[in-house]
Amino acid sequence: MKKLIIIAAMFVSGAVTLTHAQGTIFANNSNGTKISTNSVVGGAATGLTSGTIGGFYYALFASASSTTINGSTAAYAGYSGSGDTHYAFNDAGWTLQLNGGTANGVTPGAFMTNTATAGRYAITSPNTDGAFTSQTIAGGSAGYFAVIGWSSNLGSTLAQAIATLNAGTVAGFIGQSAVSGQLTLGTLGSTSPTALYGASSPNIQGFTLGLVTSTPEPGTMALAALGGASLLLFRRRK
């Protein structure tokens, strides 16, 4: 019986230690690091994301060792199709962060959404210190980070947004921040969370979500072609 009590105590102690070892990062952006959108595919930023809450979603990716995403550290706006290597979800060295590995009352893969302030977003279900809890980078340990944002009409999760973009039937916005420099995370219940955004490296600055247009379905294209042919025939007869 005593052995069981000792083992149970060791388990509880280990669980507490593990909880306290969770790495925390303040992932909200600031007024100096706002998110923009463009109005032309591949064009420069022309304005800030809408201030309508729930109009955009954001996902955090982390890596303990990868300093680039498929060889690049630069921010990227837009989408080049299935398998787009600009994004962290297509680099095995990067892991989608699930705020401690649990749903925390919101849809997995979209733990951040825009606020009423244009260009700003915030964690939708923060932990007790108002930060985001990483399930892959422990407190006191270092890692690299990147944020992916997309318009809500593409889907409420990143997986849904990717599927919608690959289908090519809905126009929307998507983009990814530059890769952060090495950031050492705070420890839940012990040290303050590390800020993700800032004016200079190693922090992330603001970035742009790029416009992606829809591709007409084959039936629509066929109807358009038929309409054009009919118009040409009409003109010839006339």
Protein backbone atom coordinates (compact mmCIF):
# COMPACT_ATOMS: atom_id res chain seq x y z
CA MET A 1 0.00 0.00 0.00
CA LYS A 2 2.86 2.35 0.92
CA LYS A 3 4.51 1.66 -2.43
CA LEU A 4 1.31 2.59 -4.25
CA ILE A 5 1.08 5.85 -2.31
CA ILE A 6 4.70 6.70 -3.12
CA ILE A 7 4.20 5.93 -6.82
CA ALA A 8 1.03 8.01 -6.89
CA ALA A 9 2.82 10.91 -5.22
CA MET A 10 5.66 10.64 -7.73
CA PHE A 11 3.12 10.68 -10.59
CA VAL A 12 1.38 13.77 -9.22
CA SER A 13 4.72 15.49 -8.68
CA GLY A 14 5.79 14.64 -12.22
CA ALA A 15 2.50 15.94 -13.62
CA VAL A 16 2.90 19.23 -11.77
CA THR A 17 6.46 19.56 -13.02
CA LEU A 18 5.34 18.81 -16.58
CA THR A 19 2.56 21.41 -16.36
CA HIS A 20 4.96 24.04 -15.07
CA ALA A 21 7.38 23.19 -17.85
CA GLN A 22 4.92 24.23 -20.55
CA GLY A 23 6.33 26.99 -22.73
CA THR A 24 4.27 30.16 -23.11
CA ILE A 25 4.35 32.84 -25.77
CA PHE A 26 2.31 36.03 -26.07
CA ALA A 27 1.13 35.56 -29.65
CA ASN A 28 -1.14 38.62 -30.04
CA ASN A 29 0.14 41.29 -32.42
CA SER A 30 0.30 45.00 -31.58
CA ASN A 31 -0.60 48.33 -33.14
CA GLY A 32 2.91 48.48 -34.59
CA THR A 33 2.73 45.00 -36.12
CA LYS A 34 -0.67 44.92 -37.80
CA ILE A 35 -1.78 42.50 -40.53
CA SER A 36 -2.59 43.82 -44.01
CA THR A 37 -4.30 42.54 -47.15
CA ASN A 38 -3.78 43.36 -50.82
CA SER A 39 -6.41 43.97 -53.48
CA VAL A 40 -4.61 42.49 -56.50
CA VAL A 41 -3.18 38.97 -56.69
CA GLY A 42 0.55 39.28 -56.04
CA GLY A 43 0.22 43.00 -55.34
CA ALA A 44 1.46 45.12 -52.47
CA ALA A 45 -0.54 45.64 -49.28
CA THR A 46 -3.38 48.11 -49.72
CA GLY A 47 -5.13 48.06 -46.32
CA LEU A 48 -5.54 46.34 -42.98
CA THR A 49 -7.57 43.23 -42.26
CA SER A 50 -11.20 43.89 -41.42
CA GLY A 51 -12.17 44.81 -37.90
CA THR A 52 -15.12 42.42 -38.01
CA ILE A 53 -14.44 39.81 -35.33
CA GLY A 54 -14.23 36.33 -36.81
CA GLY A 55 -13.42 37.59 -40.29
CA PHE A 56 -9.91 36.10 -40.19
CA TYR A 57 -8.24 33.18 -38.42
CA TYR A 58 -4.62 32.62 -37.47
CA ALA A 59 -2.54 29.54 -36.63
CA LEU A 60 0.83 29.34 -34.90
CA PHE A 61 3.59 26.99 -36.08
CA ALA A 62 6.78 26.18 -34.17
CA SER A 63 10.05 24.36 -34.70
CA ALA A 64 12.73 23.57 -32.15
CA SER A 65 15.48 23.50 -34.78
CA SER A 66 14.36 24.65 -38.24
CA THR A 67 15.43 28.23 -38.93
CA THR A 68 13.68 28.34 -42.32
CA ILE A 69 10.52 27.03 -43.96
CA ASN A 70 11.69 24.98 -46.91
CA GLY A 71 14.76 27.19 -47.21
CA SER A 72 13.13 30.59 -46.77
CA THR A 73 12.65 32.95 -43.83
CA ALA A 74 10.62 35.57 -45.73
CA ALA A 75 6.95 36.37 -45.32
CA TYR A 76 4.66 35.14 -48.09
CA ALA A 77 1.26 36.30 -49.37
CA GLY A 78 -1.04 34.26 -51.60
CA TYR A 79 -1.17 30.62 -52.62
CA SER A 80 0.48 28.79 -55.50
CA GLY A 81 -1.62 25.64 -55.30
CA SER A 82 -1.50 22.23 -53.65
CA GLY A 83 1.89 21.55 -52.09
CA ASP A 84 2.84 25.25 -51.85
CA THR A 85 6.24 24.99 -50.15
CA HIS A 86 6.15 28.55 -48.87
CA TYR A 87 3.96 27.39 -45.99
CA ALA A 88 4.91 25.69 -42.73
CA PHE A 89 2.15 23.08 -43.14
CA ASN A 90 4.17 21.69 -46.05
CA ASP A 91 7.45 21.47 -44.12
CA ALA A 92 7.86 18.41 -41.87
CA GLY A 93 10.18 20.38 -39.59
CA TRP A 94 7.31 22.56 -38.39
CA THR A 95 4.40 21.71 -36.07
CA LEU A 96 0.98 23.32 -35.77
CA GLN A 97 0.54 24.54 -32.20
CA LEU A 98 -2.69 23.58 -30.45
CA ASN A 99 -2.41 25.80 -27.35
CA GLY A 100 -1.29 23.09 -24.98
CA GLY A 101 -2.52 20.27 -27.19
CA THR A 102 -6.19 20.74 -26.31
CA ALA A 103 -9.10 22.40 -28.06
CA ASN A 104 -9.57 24.93 -25.19
CA GLY A 105 -13.15 25.48 -26.31
CA VAL A 106 -12.34 26.54 -29.87
CA THR A 107 -11.73 24.82 -33.18
CA PRO A 108 -8.29 23.11 -33.31
CA GLY A 109 -5.89 24.83 -35.66
CA ALA A 110 -7.47 28.28 -35.32
CA PHE A 111 -6.75 29.54 -31.83
CA MET A 112 -6.49 33.18 -32.86
CA THR A 113 -8.90 35.50 -34.64
CA ASN A 114 -9.03 39.18 -35.54
CA THR A 115 -10.30 41.73 -33.04
CA ALA A 116 -12.52 44.76 -33.54
CA THR A 117 -9.38 46.79 -34.26
CA ALA A 118 -8.39 46.59 -37.93
CA GLY A 119 -5.15 44.70 -38.44
CA ARG A 120 -5.13 43.17 -34.97
CA TYR A 121 -5.78 39.64 -33.74
CA ALA A 122 -5.80 37.89 -30.37
CA ILE A 123 -5.77 34.43 -28.84
CA THR A 124 -9.35 33.20 -28.55
CA SER A 125 -8.77 31.03 -25.48
CA PRO A 126 -5.63 32.18 -23.64
CA ASN A 127 -4.16 30.40 -20.63
CA THR A 128 -4.03 31.91 -17.15
CA ASP A 129 -1.30 34.43 -18.00
CA GLY A 130 -3.05 35.55 -21.19
CA ALA A 131 -0.63 33.72 -23.46
CA PHE A 132 -0.54 30.79 -25.85
CA THR A 133 0.79 27.48 -24.50
CA SER A 134 3.07 25.47 -26.77
CA GLN A 135 2.84 21.71 -26.59
CA THR A 136 6.15 21.18 -28.38
CA ILE A 137 8.49 23.84 -26.94
CA ALA A 138 9.00 23.68 -23.17
CA GLY A 139 9.36 26.68 -20.91
CA GLY A 140 12.94 27.91 -20.85
CA SER A 141 13.64 26.22 -24.19
CA ALA A 142 14.19 28.00 -27.49
CA GLY A 143 12.31 27.68 -30.76
CA TYR A 144 11.39 29.37 -34.02
CA PHE A 145 7.89 30.50 -34.91
CA ALA A 146 5.67 31.55 -37.83
CA VAL A 147 2.03 32.61 -38.08
CA ILE A 148 -0.37 31.75 -40.90
CA GLY A 149 -3.53 33.83 -41.38
CA TRP A 150 -6.51 33.36 -43.70
CA SER A 151 -9.96 34.79 -44.33
CA SER A 152 -12.81 32.95 -42.61
CA ASN A 153 -14.70 32.31 -45.86
CA LEU A 154 -12.01 29.73 -46.66
CA GLY A 155 -12.86 27.76 -43.50
CA SER A 156 -12.72 27.92 -39.72
CA THR A 157 -9.70 25.59 -39.51
CA LEU A 158 -6.45 25.60 -41.42
CA ALA A 159 -7.25 22.18 -42.87
CA GLN A 160 -10.54 23.50 -44.25
CA ALA A 161 -8.82 26.58 -45.69
CA ILE A 162 -6.22 24.44 -47.47
CA ALA A 163 -8.91 22.15 -48.91
CA THR A 164 -10.91 25.17 -50.13
CA LEU A 165 -7.85 26.76 -51.72
CA ASN A 166 -6.91 23.50 -53.43
CA ALA A 167 -10.44 23.20 -54.81
CA GLY A 168 -10.03 26.69 -56.28
CA THR A 169 -13.70 27.59 -56.11
CA VAL A 170 -13.64 30.33 -53.44
CA ALA A 171 -11.75 33.63 -53.49
CA GLY A 172 -10.08 34.59 -50.21
CA PHE A 173 -6.91 35.69 -48.44
CA ILE A 174 -3.99 33.73 -46.98
CA GLY A 175 -0.48 34.63 -45.93
CA GLN A 176 2.38 33.68 -43.66
CA SER A 177 4.67 35.78 -41.49
CA ALA A 178 8.43 35.75 -41.73
CA VAL A 179 10.13 33.14 -39.57
CA SER A 180 11.04 34.52 -36.17
CA GLY A 181 14.53 34.45 -34.80
CA GLN A 182 15.23 32.14 -31.88
CA LEU A 183 12.86 32.86 -28.99
CA THR A 184 13.12 31.35 -25.52
CA LEU A 185 9.66 30.68 -24.10
CA GLY A 186 8.36 31.64 -20.69
CA THR A 187 7.21 28.96 -18.28
CA LEU A 188 3.55 28.64 -17.31
CA GLY A 189 3.12 29.57 -13.65
CA SER A 190 6.74 30.60 -13.28
CA THR A 191 8.12 33.15 -15.76
CA SER A 192 6.44 35.66 -18.05
CA PRO A 193 5.48 34.61 -21.59
CA THR A 194 7.79 35.64 -24.41
CA ALA A 195 6.47 38.19 -26.91
CA LEU A 196 6.12 36.84 -30.45
CA TYR A 197 5.80 40.23 -32.19
CA GLY A 198 8.14 43.18 -32.11
CA ALA A 199 9.72 45.96 -34.15
CA SER A 200 12.80 43.93 -35.09
CA SER A 201 14.37 40.45 -35.08
CA PRO A 202 14.12 38.01 -33.40
CA ASN A 203 10.45 39.00 -33.13
CA ILE A 204 7.93 38.82 -35.97
CA GLN A 205 6.74 42.02 -37.60
CA GLY A 206 3.39 42.58 -39.33
CA PHE A 207 2.73 40.77 -42.63
CA THR A 208 0.27 40.61 -45.53
CA LEU A 209 -2.49 38.16 -46.39
CA GLY A 210 -2.60 37.81 -50.16
CA LEU A 211 -5.68 37.65 -52.36
CA VAL A 212 -6.36 34.31 -54.02
CA THR A 213 -9.03 34.28 -56.73
CA SER A 214 -11.36 31.41 -57.51
CA THR A 215 -11.05 29.21 -60.58
CA PRO A 216 -14.29 28.77 -62.56
CA GLU A 217 -15.68 25.24 -62.49
CA PRO A 218 -15.49 23.30 -65.78
CA GLY A 219 -19.26 23.66 -66.31
CA THR A 220 -19.07 27.42 -65.90
CA MET A 221 -16.15 27.64 -68.33
CA ALA A 222 -18.05 25.55 -70.85
CA LEU A 223 -21.08 27.82 -70.60
CA ALA A 224 -18.89 30.90 -71.06
CA ALA A 225 -17.29 29.35 -74.14
CA LEU A 226 -20.69 28.42 -75.55
CA GLY A 227 -21.95 31.95 -74.95
CA GLY A 228 -18.95 33.41 -76.76
CA ALA A 229 -19.41 31.06 -79.72
CA SER A 230 -23.11 31.91 -79.95
CA LEU A 231 -22.33 35.62 -79.94
CA LEU A 232 -19.74 35.16 -82.69
CA LEU A 233 -22.21 33.15 -84.80
CA PHE A 234 -24.88 35.81 -84.29
CA ARG A 235 -22.50 38.52 -85.47
CA ARG A 236 -21.56 36.53 -88.58
CA ARG A 237 -25.19 35.98 -89.52
CA LYS A 238 -25.88 39.64 -88.99
